Amino acid sequence: MKSLSKKISEISKSVLLYSFLISGVSAQVLTPVSSDRYIMKILDRTVSIQDMEFQLRNIGALHCIYDDAFVVRYFDKKFLPDLQSFLSKFPRDNKEVRTYLNAHDAMLKKIRTFFKMLRYSEDQEGNVSPELAKLIREGAKENKCGTSVLYKDTLKTNFITLLQMELYLRSRYGNQLKTSRSFEEIRSSVDLFVESLDKQFPHEYYW
């Protein structure tokens, strides 16, 4: 998809959106639990199992359509199968939920971090232009993946929110990455931002 990357670069130079992941891990659509369940609250917004399922689908689509998404690189490719496993094994019995969540504290922290970053970048109101949405649609169809995030002539709203997060990370750290040999060299900078955001945005779990 080098040609797609060139087109994106021309349209969105201000946010440094060039190539994203093609080869990839497609997130499967999970069979939802018997009823949706709220897992945590961030600021004034709740995060449910269904919200996580939607974002699992969205990250899988981003991973498949583009070839070096900052979101995937920061959270690591293992985040996709780990989140899928977390959701697929989530207990249906309410009595088992507390034990399950306590046993997955590290995963909950990653999920919490992800949704805080998502909320922050959404508040920045980054512009996902019609031209960019069109290129993403073309990329999804050409790669025959990620079509689950397409909606009529545009993109699904929660996928647009994920794109805002991707654009924010690229606008903030893209130049720094240009002078580095790998993403790992700028990871500590992103970590500092994430740690600050985790303290800034209060959260609570629904045990």
N, C-alpha and C. Protein backbone atom coordinates (compact mmCIF):
# COMPACT_ATOMS: atom_id res chain seq x y z
N MET A 1 0.82 -1.21 0.00
CA MET A 1 0.00 0.00 0.00
C MET A 1 0.86 1.27 0.00
N LYS A 2 2.04 1.24 -0.64
CA LYS A 2 2.90 2.41 -0.65
C LYS A 2 2.20 3.58 -1.30
N SER A 3 1.40 3.31 -2.36
CA SER A 3 0.73 4.40 -3.04
C SER A 3 -0.29 5.04 -2.12
N LEU A 4 -0.98 4.25 -1.32
CA LEU A 4 -1.95 4.80 -0.37
C LEU A 4 -1.23 5.67 0.65
N SER A 5 -0.05 5.23 1.09
CA SER A 5 0.70 6.00 2.08
C SER A 5 1.08 7.38 1.52
N LYS A 6 1.45 7.41 0.24
CA LYS A 6 1.82 8.67 -0.39
C LYS A 6 0.62 9.61 -0.45
N LYS A 7 -0.55 9.05 -0.78
CA LYS A 7 -1.75 9.87 -0.85
C LYS A 7 -2.10 10.44 0.51
N ILE A 8 -1.99 9.61 1.53
CA ILE A 8 -2.31 10.06 2.89
C ILE A 8 -1.35 11.16 3.31
N SER A 9 -0.08 10.99 2.98
CA SER A 9 0.92 11.99 3.36
C SER A 9 0.60 13.33 2.72
N GLU A 10 0.14 13.31 1.48
CA GLU A 10 -0.18 14.54 0.77
C GLU A 10 -1.39 15.23 1.39
N ILE A 11 -2.39 14.43 1.78
CA ILE A 11 -3.64 14.99 2.30
C ILE A 11 -3.50 15.42 3.75
N SER A 12 -2.69 14.70 4.52
CA SER A 12 -2.66 14.93 5.97
C SER A 12 -1.26 15.17 6.51
N LYS A 13 -0.50 16.02 5.86
CA LYS A 13 0.87 16.29 6.29
C LYS A 13 0.90 16.87 7.70
N SER A 14 -0.10 17.66 8.04
CA SER A 14 -0.10 18.33 9.34
C SER A 14 -0.14 17.37 10.50
N VAL A 15 -0.66 16.19 10.28
CA VAL A 15 -0.74 15.21 11.37
C VAL A 15 0.17 14.02 11.13
N LEU A 16 1.01 14.09 10.10
CA LEU A 16 2.01 13.05 9.84
C LEU A 16 1.41 11.66 9.70
N LEU A 17 0.30 11.57 8.96
CA LEU A 17 -0.33 10.26 8.80
C LEU A 17 0.13 9.64 7.50
N TYR A 18 1.16 8.79 7.57
CA TYR A 18 1.55 8.08 6.36
C TYR A 18 1.16 6.61 6.51
N SER A 19 2.01 5.67 6.35
CA SER A 19 1.65 4.26 6.28
C SER A 19 1.17 3.66 7.59
N PHE A 20 0.27 2.70 7.52
CA PHE A 20 -0.21 1.94 8.68
C PHE A 20 -0.11 0.44 8.36
N LEU A 21 -0.58 -0.42 9.26
CA LEU A 21 -0.37 -1.87 9.12
C LEU A 21 -1.27 -2.55 8.10
N ILE A 22 -0.67 -3.39 7.23
CA ILE A 22 -1.42 -4.17 6.25
C ILE A 22 -1.48 -5.63 6.68
N SER A 23 -0.30 -6.18 6.92
CA SER A 23 -0.25 -7.59 7.25
C SER A 23 -0.94 -7.73 8.55
N GLY A 24 -1.73 -8.34 8.96
CA GLY A 24 -2.13 -8.13 10.31
C GLY A 24 -3.02 -9.12 10.90
N VAL A 25 -3.34 -8.73 12.11
CA VAL A 25 -4.16 -9.56 12.97
C VAL A 25 -5.55 -8.99 12.88
N SER A 26 -6.49 -9.72 12.35
CA SER A 26 -7.85 -9.25 12.26
C SER A 26 -8.58 -9.62 13.54
N ALA A 27 -9.14 -8.60 14.19
CA ALA A 27 -9.88 -8.90 15.42
C ALA A 27 -11.21 -9.54 15.06
N GLN A 28 -11.51 -10.64 15.70
CA GLN A 28 -12.76 -11.32 15.45
C GLN A 28 -13.88 -10.64 16.21
N VAL A 29 -15.10 -10.75 15.67
CA VAL A 29 -16.26 -10.22 16.37
C VAL A 29 -16.63 -11.24 17.42
N LEU A 30 -16.62 -10.80 18.65
CA LEU A 30 -16.86 -11.72 19.75
C LEU A 30 -18.34 -11.93 19.96
N THR A 31 -18.69 -13.10 20.47
CA THR A 31 -20.06 -13.34 20.87
C THR A 31 -20.27 -12.63 22.19
N PRO A 32 -21.18 -11.67 22.25
CA PRO A 32 -21.32 -10.89 23.47
C PRO A 32 -21.83 -11.73 24.63
N VAL A 33 -21.49 -11.28 25.85
CA VAL A 33 -22.01 -11.96 27.02
C VAL A 33 -23.52 -11.73 27.06
N SER A 34 -24.20 -12.45 27.95
CA SER A 34 -25.66 -12.44 27.95
C SER A 34 -26.24 -11.03 28.05
N SER A 35 -25.56 -10.14 28.76
CA SER A 35 -25.98 -8.75 28.81
C SER A 35 -24.73 -7.90 28.99
N ASP A 36 -24.81 -6.67 28.50
CA ASP A 36 -23.64 -5.81 28.61
C ASP A 36 -23.37 -5.50 30.09
N ARG A 37 -22.12 -5.29 30.40
CA ARG A 37 -21.74 -5.03 31.79
C ARG A 37 -20.76 -3.89 31.85
N TYR A 38 -20.98 -2.94 32.76
CA TYR A 38 -20.05 -1.85 32.96
C TYR A 38 -18.87 -2.33 33.79
N ILE A 39 -17.68 -1.99 33.33
CA ILE A 39 -16.46 -2.45 33.99
C ILE A 39 -15.77 -1.33 34.75
N MET A 40 -15.78 -0.13 34.20
CA MET A 40 -15.11 0.99 34.86
C MET A 40 -15.75 2.30 34.45
N LYS A 41 -15.41 3.34 35.19
CA LYS A 41 -15.86 4.69 34.87
C LYS A 41 -14.64 5.58 34.78
N ILE A 42 -14.55 6.36 33.71
CA ILE A 42 -13.45 7.30 33.51
C ILE A 42 -14.07 8.68 33.37
N LEU A 43 -13.70 9.57 34.27
CA LEU A 43 -14.35 10.88 34.37
C LEU A 43 -15.85 10.66 34.54
N ASP A 44 -16.64 11.11 33.57
CA ASP A 44 -18.09 10.96 33.68
C ASP A 44 -18.63 9.92 32.71
N ARG A 45 -17.74 9.08 32.17
CA ARG A 45 -18.16 8.13 31.13
C ARG A 45 -17.84 6.69 31.55
N THR A 46 -18.81 5.82 31.37
CA THR A 46 -18.62 4.41 31.71
C THR A 46 -18.05 3.64 30.53
N VAL A 47 -17.32 2.58 30.84
CA VAL A 47 -16.75 1.68 29.82
C VAL A 47 -17.31 0.29 30.09
N SER A 48 -17.94 -0.29 29.09
CA SER A 48 -18.58 -1.58 29.24
C SER A 48 -17.87 -2.66 28.42
N ILE A 49 -18.30 -3.88 28.61
CA ILE A 49 -17.79 -4.99 27.80
C ILE A 49 -18.01 -4.71 26.32
N GLN A 50 -19.17 -4.19 25.98
CA GLN A 50 -19.47 -3.90 24.57
C GLN A 50 -18.54 -2.83 24.01
N ASP A 51 -18.23 -1.82 24.82
CA ASP A 51 -17.27 -0.79 24.38
C ASP A 51 -15.92 -1.41 24.05
N MET A 52 -15.50 -2.35 24.89
CA MET A 52 -14.22 -3.04 24.66
C MET A 52 -14.27 -3.88 23.39
N GLU A 53 -15.41 -4.54 23.16
CA GLU A 53 -15.56 -5.35 21.95
C GLU A 53 -15.48 -4.48 20.70
N PHE A 54 -16.13 -3.32 20.74
CA PHE A 54 -16.08 -2.40 19.61
C PHE A 54 -14.65 -1.96 19.33
N GLN A 55 -13.90 -1.63 20.39
CA GLN A 55 -12.54 -1.16 20.19
C GLN A 55 -11.59 -2.29 19.80
N LEU A 56 -11.87 -3.50 20.24
CA LEU A 56 -11.11 -4.66 19.77
C LEU A 56 -11.25 -4.78 18.25
N ARG A 57 -12.49 -4.66 17.79
CA ARG A 57 -12.75 -4.67 16.34
C ARG A 57 -12.02 -3.53 15.65
N ASN A 58 -12.08 -2.33 16.24
CA ASN A 58 -11.49 -1.15 15.63
C ASN A 58 -9.97 -1.23 15.54
N ILE A 59 -9.35 -1.69 16.63
CA ILE A 59 -7.88 -1.82 16.63
C ILE A 59 -7.46 -2.87 15.60
N GLY A 60 -8.23 -3.96 15.51
CA GLY A 60 -7.94 -4.98 14.51
C GLY A 60 -8.02 -4.42 13.10
N ALA A 61 -9.01 -3.56 12.86
CA ALA A 61 -9.17 -2.95 11.54
C ALA A 61 -8.01 -2.00 11.25
N LEU A 62 -7.65 -1.18 12.24
CA LEU A 62 -6.53 -0.26 12.07
C LEU A 62 -5.24 -1.02 11.79
N HIS A 63 -5.06 -2.10 12.52
CA HIS A 63 -3.87 -2.95 12.36
C HIS A 63 -3.80 -3.54 10.96
N CYS A 64 -4.94 -3.88 10.42
CA CYS A 64 -4.98 -4.54 9.12
C CYS A 64 -4.87 -3.56 7.95
N ILE A 65 -5.50 -2.40 8.09
CA ILE A 65 -5.55 -1.45 6.98
C ILE A 65 -4.23 -0.73 6.77
N TYR A 66 -3.58 -0.33 7.87
CA TYR A 66 -2.37 0.48 7.78
C TYR A 66 -1.14 -0.28 8.26
N ASP A 67 0.04 0.29 8.05
CA ASP A 67 1.22 -0.52 8.30
C ASP A 67 2.16 -0.08 9.43
N ASP A 68 1.89 0.98 10.16
CA ASP A 68 2.67 1.22 11.39
C ASP A 68 1.92 2.15 12.33
N ALA A 69 0.71 1.79 12.64
CA ALA A 69 -0.13 2.60 13.51
C ALA A 69 0.54 2.79 14.87
N PHE A 70 0.60 4.03 15.33
CA PHE A 70 1.19 4.33 16.63
C PHE A 70 0.44 3.62 17.74
N VAL A 71 -0.88 3.56 17.63
CA VAL A 71 -1.70 2.92 18.67
C VAL A 71 -1.28 1.47 18.86
N VAL A 72 -1.14 0.73 17.76
CA VAL A 72 -0.76 -0.68 17.83
C VAL A 72 0.67 -0.82 18.33
N ARG A 73 1.55 0.04 17.85
CA ARG A 73 2.95 -0.05 18.25
C ARG A 73 3.14 0.26 19.74
N TYR A 74 2.36 1.20 20.25
CA TYR A 74 2.51 1.54 21.66
C TYR A 74 1.96 0.43 22.56
N PHE A 75 0.77 -0.05 22.25
CA PHE A 75 0.16 -1.07 23.11
C PHE A 75 0.69 -2.47 22.81
N ASP A 76 1.38 -2.63 21.71
CA ASP A 76 1.98 -3.91 21.31
C ASP A 76 0.94 -4.78 20.61
N LYS A 77 1.39 -5.53 19.62
CA LYS A 77 0.48 -6.40 18.86
C LYS A 77 -0.18 -7.44 19.76
N LYS A 78 0.49 -7.79 20.86
CA LYS A 78 -0.05 -8.79 21.77
C LYS A 78 -1.31 -8.30 22.49
N PHE A 79 -1.51 -6.98 22.48
CA PHE A 79 -2.69 -6.42 23.12
C PHE A 79 -3.97 -6.94 22.50
N LEU A 80 -3.95 -7.14 21.18
CA LEU A 80 -5.15 -7.64 20.48
C LEU A 80 -5.56 -9.04 20.96
N PRO A 81 -4.68 -10.04 20.86
CA PRO A 81 -5.09 -11.37 21.34
C PRO A 81 -5.35 -11.40 22.84
N ASP A 82 -4.61 -10.59 23.61
CA ASP A 82 -4.82 -10.56 25.06
C ASP A 82 -6.20 -10.00 25.40
N LEU A 83 -6.59 -8.94 24.71
CA LEU A 83 -7.91 -8.35 24.95
C LEU A 83 -9.01 -9.30 24.50
N GLN A 84 -8.77 -9.95 23.36
CA GLN A 84 -9.75 -10.91 22.86
C GLN A 84 -9.95 -12.06 23.86
N SER A 85 -8.85 -12.53 24.42
CA SER A 85 -8.92 -13.61 25.41
C SER A 85 -9.64 -13.14 26.67
N PHE A 86 -9.31 -11.92 27.12
CA PHE A 86 -9.94 -11.36 28.31
C PHE A 86 -11.46 -11.29 28.15
N LEU A 87 -11.91 -10.86 26.98
CA LEU A 87 -13.34 -10.72 26.74
C LEU A 87 -14.03 -12.06 26.53
N SER A 88 -13.37 -12.96 25.80
CA SER A 88 -14.01 -14.25 25.50
C SER A 88 -14.17 -15.12 26.75
N LYS A 89 -13.29 -14.90 27.74
CA LYS A 89 -13.34 -15.70 28.96
C LYS A 89 -14.04 -14.99 30.11
N PHE A 90 -14.58 -13.81 29.82
CA PHE A 90 -15.23 -13.05 30.88
C PHE A 90 -16.41 -13.84 31.45
N PRO A 91 -16.48 -14.01 32.76
CA PRO A 91 -17.51 -14.87 33.36
C PRO A 91 -18.92 -14.32 33.20
N ARG A 92 -19.84 -15.22 33.01
CA ARG A 92 -21.25 -14.85 32.91
C ARG A 92 -21.89 -14.76 34.29
N ASP A 93 -21.34 -15.48 35.22
CA ASP A 93 -21.85 -15.48 36.58
C ASP A 93 -21.32 -14.27 37.34
N ASN A 94 -22.20 -13.42 37.82
CA ASN A 94 -21.79 -12.20 38.52
C ASN A 94 -20.89 -12.49 39.72
N LYS A 95 -21.08 -13.62 40.35
CA LYS A 95 -20.29 -13.96 41.53
C LYS A 95 -18.82 -14.17 41.19
N GLU A 96 -18.54 -14.50 39.94
CA GLU A 96 -17.17 -14.78 39.52
C GLU A 96 -16.44 -13.54 38.97
N VAL A 97 -17.20 -12.47 38.72
CA VAL A 97 -16.64 -11.30 38.06
C VAL A 97 -15.54 -10.64 38.89
N ARG A 98 -15.78 -10.42 40.16
CA ARG A 98 -14.79 -9.75 41.01
C ARG A 98 -13.47 -10.51 41.03
N THR A 99 -13.57 -11.84 41.19
CA THR A 99 -12.36 -12.67 41.21
C THR A 99 -11.63 -12.58 39.88
N TYR A 100 -12.39 -12.60 38.79
CA TYR A 100 -11.80 -12.54 37.44
C TYR A 100 -11.08 -11.21 37.23
N LEU A 101 -11.71 -10.12 37.61
CA LEU A 101 -11.10 -8.80 37.42
C LEU A 101 -9.85 -8.63 38.27
N ASN A 102 -9.91 -9.11 39.51
CA ASN A 102 -8.74 -9.04 40.39
C ASN A 102 -7.57 -9.83 39.83
N ALA A 103 -7.87 -10.92 39.14
CA ALA A 103 -6.84 -11.78 38.58
C ALA A 103 -6.25 -11.18 37.29
N HIS A 104 -6.90 -10.16 36.75
CA HIS A 104 -6.44 -9.55 35.49
C HIS A 104 -6.14 -8.06 35.69
N ASP A 105 -5.50 -7.74 36.79
CA ASP A 105 -5.21 -6.36 37.13
C ASP A 105 -4.35 -5.67 36.06
N ALA A 106 -3.34 -6.36 35.54
CA ALA A 106 -2.46 -5.77 34.52
C ALA A 106 -3.23 -5.46 33.24
N MET A 107 -4.14 -6.37 32.87
CA MET A 107 -4.94 -6.15 31.66
C MET A 107 -5.90 -4.99 31.87
N LEU A 108 -6.48 -4.89 33.05
CA LEU A 108 -7.38 -3.78 33.35
C LEU A 108 -6.67 -2.44 33.26
N LYS A 109 -5.41 -2.41 33.69
CA LYS A 109 -4.64 -1.17 33.60
C LYS A 109 -4.42 -0.78 32.15
N LYS A 110 -4.12 -1.75 31.30
CA LYS A 110 -3.94 -1.45 29.88
C LYS A 110 -5.23 -0.93 29.25
N ILE A 111 -6.34 -1.59 29.60
CA ILE A 111 -7.65 -1.17 29.08
C ILE A 111 -7.98 0.24 29.56
N ARG A 112 -7.74 0.47 30.85
CA ARG A 112 -7.99 1.79 31.45
C ARG A 112 -7.16 2.86 30.73
N THR A 113 -5.89 2.56 30.51
CA THR A 113 -4.99 3.49 29.83
C THR A 113 -5.49 3.78 28.42
N PHE A 114 -5.88 2.73 27.72
CA PHE A 114 -6.37 2.89 26.35
C PHE A 114 -7.57 3.82 26.30
N PHE A 115 -8.55 3.60 27.17
CA PHE A 115 -9.77 4.40 27.13
C PHE A 115 -9.54 5.83 27.63
N LYS A 116 -8.57 6.02 28.51
CA LYS A 116 -8.23 7.38 28.91
C LYS A 116 -7.59 8.13 27.76
N MET A 117 -6.70 7.47 27.03
CA MET A 117 -6.08 8.08 25.85
C MET A 117 -7.13 8.38 24.79
N LEU A 118 -8.07 7.47 24.65
CA LEU A 118 -9.16 7.64 23.68
C LEU A 118 -9.99 8.86 24.05
N ARG A 119 -10.31 8.99 25.32
CA ARG A 119 -11.12 10.12 25.78
C ARG A 119 -10.36 11.44 25.61
N TYR A 120 -9.09 11.44 25.96
CA TYR A 120 -8.30 12.66 25.85
C TYR A 120 -8.21 13.13 24.39
N SER A 121 -7.89 12.21 23.51
CA SER A 121 -7.73 12.58 22.10
C SER A 121 -9.06 12.99 21.49
N GLU A 122 -10.15 12.39 21.96
CA GLU A 122 -11.47 12.80 21.48
C GLU A 122 -11.75 14.25 21.89
N ASP A 123 -11.35 14.61 23.10
CA ASP A 123 -11.55 15.98 23.58
C ASP A 123 -10.74 16.99 22.79
N GLN A 124 -9.64 16.54 22.16
CA GLN A 124 -8.83 17.44 21.34
C GLN A 124 -9.49 17.76 20.01
N GLU A 125 -10.52 17.01 19.68
CA GLU A 125 -11.32 17.24 18.47
C GLU A 125 -10.48 17.26 17.19
N GLY A 126 -9.59 16.27 17.08
CA GLY A 126 -8.80 16.15 15.85
C GLY A 126 -9.69 15.89 14.64
N ASN A 127 -9.31 16.46 13.54
CA ASN A 127 -10.14 16.36 12.34
C ASN A 127 -9.81 15.14 11.49
N VAL A 128 -10.78 14.25 11.35
CA VAL A 128 -10.67 13.14 10.41
C VAL A 128 -11.43 13.57 9.17
N SER A 129 -10.70 14.07 8.20
CA SER A 129 -11.32 14.68 7.03
C SER A 129 -12.03 13.66 6.14
N PRO A 130 -12.99 14.12 5.33
CA PRO A 130 -13.66 13.23 4.38
C PRO A 130 -12.66 12.55 3.44
N GLU A 131 -11.59 13.27 3.07
CA GLU A 131 -10.58 12.69 2.18
C GLU A 131 -9.86 11.52 2.86
N LEU A 132 -9.54 11.70 4.14
CA LEU A 132 -8.88 10.63 4.88
C LEU A 132 -9.81 9.44 5.06
N ALA A 133 -11.07 9.72 5.39
CA ALA A 133 -12.07 8.66 5.54
C ALA A 133 -12.20 7.86 4.24
N LYS A 134 -12.15 8.58 3.11
CA LYS A 134 -12.26 7.92 1.81
C LYS A 134 -11.07 7.00 1.57
N LEU A 135 -9.87 7.45 1.92
CA LEU A 135 -8.67 6.64 1.73
C LEU A 135 -8.71 5.39 2.61
N ILE A 136 -9.23 5.55 3.82
CA ILE A 136 -9.34 4.41 4.72
C ILE A 136 -10.33 3.39 4.15
N ARG A 137 -11.43 3.88 3.63
CA ARG A 137 -12.42 2.98 3.01
C ARG A 137 -11.79 2.23 1.85
N GLU A 138 -11.02 2.93 1.03
CA GLU A 138 -10.37 2.29 -0.11
C GLU A 138 -9.36 1.25 0.36
N GLY A 139 -8.60 1.61 1.43
CA GLY A 139 -7.62 0.67 1.96
C GLY A 139 -8.27 -0.58 2.51
N ALA A 140 -9.40 -0.41 3.21
CA ALA A 140 -10.11 -1.56 3.78
C ALA A 140 -10.60 -2.50 2.68
N LYS A 141 -11.11 -1.93 1.63
CA LYS A 141 -11.64 -2.74 0.53
C LYS A 141 -10.51 -3.40 -0.26
N GLU A 142 -9.42 -2.67 -0.47
CA GLU A 142 -8.30 -3.21 -1.23
C GLU A 142 -7.62 -4.35 -0.48
N ASN A 143 -7.49 -4.19 0.84
CA ASN A 143 -6.86 -5.23 1.65
C ASN A 143 -7.83 -6.31 2.08
N LYS A 144 -9.11 -6.09 1.78
CA LYS A 144 -10.17 -7.05 2.13
C LYS A 144 -10.18 -7.34 3.63
N CYS A 145 -10.07 -6.28 4.41
CA CYS A 145 -10.11 -6.40 5.86
C CYS A 145 -10.56 -5.07 6.44
N GLY A 146 -11.05 -5.11 7.66
CA GLY A 146 -11.44 -3.88 8.33
C GLY A 146 -12.73 -3.28 7.82
N THR A 147 -13.46 -4.00 6.96
CA THR A 147 -14.70 -3.44 6.41
C THR A 147 -15.79 -3.30 7.46
N SER A 148 -15.61 -3.94 8.62
CA SER A 148 -16.61 -3.85 9.68
C SER A 148 -16.68 -2.45 10.29
N VAL A 149 -15.67 -1.60 10.02
CA VAL A 149 -15.69 -0.24 10.58
C VAL A 149 -16.24 0.77 9.57
N LEU A 150 -16.66 0.31 8.42
CA LEU A 150 -17.24 1.20 7.42
C LEU A 150 -18.73 1.37 7.70
N TYR A 151 -19.21 2.59 7.45
CA TYR A 151 -20.63 2.86 7.65
C TYR A 151 -21.12 3.77 6.54
N LYS A 152 -21.99 3.22 5.70
CA LYS A 152 -22.51 3.96 4.55
C LYS A 152 -21.34 4.56 3.76
N ASP A 153 -21.30 5.89 3.63
CA ASP A 153 -20.23 6.52 2.86
C ASP A 153 -19.11 7.05 3.75
N THR A 154 -19.14 6.67 5.03
CA THR A 154 -18.11 7.18 5.94
C THR A 154 -17.60 6.04 6.83
N LEU A 155 -17.26 6.35 8.07
CA LEU A 155 -16.73 5.36 9.01
C LEU A 155 -17.58 5.37 10.27
N LYS A 156 -17.57 4.26 10.99
CA LYS A 156 -18.33 4.20 12.23
C LYS A 156 -17.74 5.18 13.24
N THR A 157 -18.62 5.76 14.03
CA THR A 157 -18.24 6.84 14.95
C THR A 157 -17.14 6.42 15.91
N ASN A 158 -17.24 5.22 16.50
CA ASN A 158 -16.21 4.83 17.48
C ASN A 158 -14.87 4.51 16.81
N PHE A 159 -14.89 4.22 15.51
CA PHE A 159 -13.62 4.05 14.79
C PHE A 159 -13.01 5.41 14.50
N ILE A 160 -13.83 6.40 14.22
CA ILE A 160 -13.33 7.76 14.02
C ILE A 160 -12.63 8.25 15.28
N THR A 161 -13.19 7.89 16.45
CA THR A 161 -12.57 8.27 17.72
C THR A 161 -11.18 7.64 17.85
N LEU A 162 -11.06 6.38 17.43
CA LEU A 162 -9.75 5.72 17.46
C LEU A 162 -8.78 6.41 16.51
N LEU A 163 -9.26 6.83 15.36
CA LEU A 163 -8.41 7.56 14.41
C LEU A 163 -7.95 8.89 15.00
N GLN A 164 -8.80 9.54 15.77
CA GLN A 164 -8.40 10.78 16.43
C GLN A 164 -7.24 10.53 17.39
N MET A 165 -7.29 9.39 18.06
CA MET A 165 -6.21 9.01 18.96
C MET A 165 -4.92 8.77 18.17
N GLU A 166 -5.03 8.08 17.06
CA GLU A 166 -3.87 7.82 16.20
C GLU A 166 -3.28 9.13 15.68
N LEU A 167 -4.14 10.02 15.23
CA LEU A 167 -3.68 11.30 14.70
C LEU A 167 -3.02 12.14 15.78
N TYR A 168 -3.57 12.10 16.97
CA TYR A 168 -2.98 12.88 18.08
C TYR A 168 -1.57 12.37 18.40
N LEU A 169 -1.41 11.06 18.50
CA LEU A 169 -0.10 10.49 18.80
C LEU A 169 0.91 10.84 17.72
N ARG A 170 0.48 10.80 16.47
CA ARG A 170 1.38 11.12 15.36
C ARG A 170 1.76 12.60 15.35
N SER A 171 0.79 13.46 15.66
CA SER A 171 1.09 14.90 15.67
C SER A 171 2.04 15.25 16.82
N ARG A 172 1.93 14.51 17.93
CA ARG A 172 2.75 14.81 19.11
C ARG A 172 4.14 14.16 19.05
N TYR A 173 4.21 12.94 18.49
CA TYR A 173 5.48 12.19 18.54
C TYR A 173 6.07 11.85 17.17
N GLY A 174 5.38 12.25 16.10
CA GLY A 174 5.85 11.90 14.77
C GLY A 174 7.23 12.44 14.44
N ASN A 175 7.48 13.71 14.75
CA ASN A 175 8.79 14.30 14.46
C ASN A 175 9.88 13.64 15.29
N GLN A 176 9.55 13.31 16.53
CA GLN A 176 10.51 12.65 17.41
C GLN A 176 10.89 11.28 16.85
N LEU A 177 9.90 10.59 16.29
CA LEU A 177 10.17 9.27 15.72
C LEU A 177 11.06 9.37 14.49
N LYS A 178 10.93 10.45 13.75
CA LYS A 178 11.73 10.64 12.53
C LYS A 178 13.23 10.62 12.83
N THR A 179 13.61 11.12 13.99
CA THR A 179 15.03 11.18 14.34
C THR A 179 15.47 9.99 15.19
N SER A 180 14.58 9.02 15.37
CA SER A 180 14.90 7.82 16.16
C SER A 180 15.02 6.61 15.25
N ARG A 181 15.70 5.61 15.74
CA ARG A 181 15.88 4.39 14.95
C ARG A 181 14.68 3.46 15.04
N SER A 182 13.92 3.58 16.12
CA SER A 182 12.75 2.71 16.28
C SER A 182 11.75 3.36 17.22
N PHE A 183 10.55 2.81 17.25
CA PHE A 183 9.51 3.33 18.14
C PHE A 183 9.93 3.19 19.60
N GLU A 184 10.70 2.16 19.91
CA GLU A 184 11.10 1.92 21.29
C GLU A 184 11.89 3.09 21.86
N GLU A 185 12.55 3.85 21.02
CA GLU A 185 13.33 4.99 21.50
C GLU A 185 12.45 6.15 21.97
N ILE A 186 11.21 6.19 21.51
CA ILE A 186 10.32 7.26 21.96
C ILE A 186 9.27 6.75 22.95
N ARG A 187 9.30 5.46 23.24
CA ARG A 187 8.29 4.88 24.14
C ARG A 187 8.27 5.57 25.50
N SER A 188 9.44 5.88 26.04
CA SER A 188 9.50 6.50 27.36
C SER A 188 8.78 7.86 27.37
N SER A 189 8.86 8.58 26.26
CA SER A 189 8.16 9.87 26.16
C SER A 189 6.65 9.67 26.19
N VAL A 190 6.17 8.66 25.47
CA VAL A 190 4.74 8.35 25.47
C VAL A 190 4.32 7.87 26.85
N ASP A 191 5.17 7.08 27.49
CA ASP A 191 4.88 6.59 28.84
C ASP A 191 4.65 7.74 29.81
N LEU A 192 5.47 8.77 29.71
CA LEU A 192 5.33 9.92 30.61
C LEU A 192 3.99 10.60 30.41
N PHE A 193 3.60 10.75 29.15
CA PHE A 193 2.29 11.34 28.84
C PHE A 193 1.17 10.48 29.40
N VAL A 194 1.27 9.17 29.21
CA VAL A 194 0.24 8.24 29.67
C VAL A 194 0.13 8.25 31.20
N GLU A 195 1.27 8.25 31.87
CA GLU A 195 1.27 8.28 33.34
C GLU A 195 0.62 9.56 33.86
N SER A 196 0.92 10.67 33.21
CA SER A 196 0.32 11.95 33.60
C SER A 196 -1.19 11.92 33.38
N LEU A 197 -1.60 11.36 32.26
CA LEU A 197 -3.02 11.28 31.93
C LEU A 197 -3.75 10.36 32.90
N ASP A 198 -3.11 9.29 33.31
CA ASP A 198 -3.72 8.36 34.25
C ASP A 198 -4.01 9.03 35.59
N LYS A 199 -3.12 9.95 35.98
CA LYS A 199 -3.32 10.68 37.23
C LYS A 199 -4.36 11.80 37.06
N GLN A 200 -4.35 12.38 35.88
CA GLN A 200 -5.24 13.51 35.60
C GLN A 200 -6.70 13.09 35.48
N PHE A 201 -6.95 11.95 34.84
CA PHE A 201 -8.31 11.47 34.62
C PHE A 201 -8.67 10.43 35.70
N PRO A 202 -9.55 10.77 36.64
CA PRO A 202 -9.92 9.81 37.68
C PRO A 202 -10.72 8.64 37.10
N HIS A 203 -10.63 7.50 37.77
CA HIS A 203 -11.35 6.32 37.32
C HIS A 203 -11.79 5.50 38.52
N GLU A 204 -12.74 4.63 38.31
CA GLU A 204 -13.17 3.68 39.32
C GLU A 204 -13.65 2.41 38.63
N TYR A 205 -13.42 1.28 39.28
CA TYR A 205 -13.86 0.00 38.74
C TYR A 205 -15.21 -0.40 39.35
N TYR A 206 -16.00 -1.08 38.56
CA TYR A 206 -17.26 -1.64 39.06
C TYR A 206 -17.04 -3.10 39.40
N TRP A 207 -16.75 -3.38 40.65
CA TRP A 207 -16.50 -4.76 41.08
C TRP A 207 -17.81 -5.50 41.30
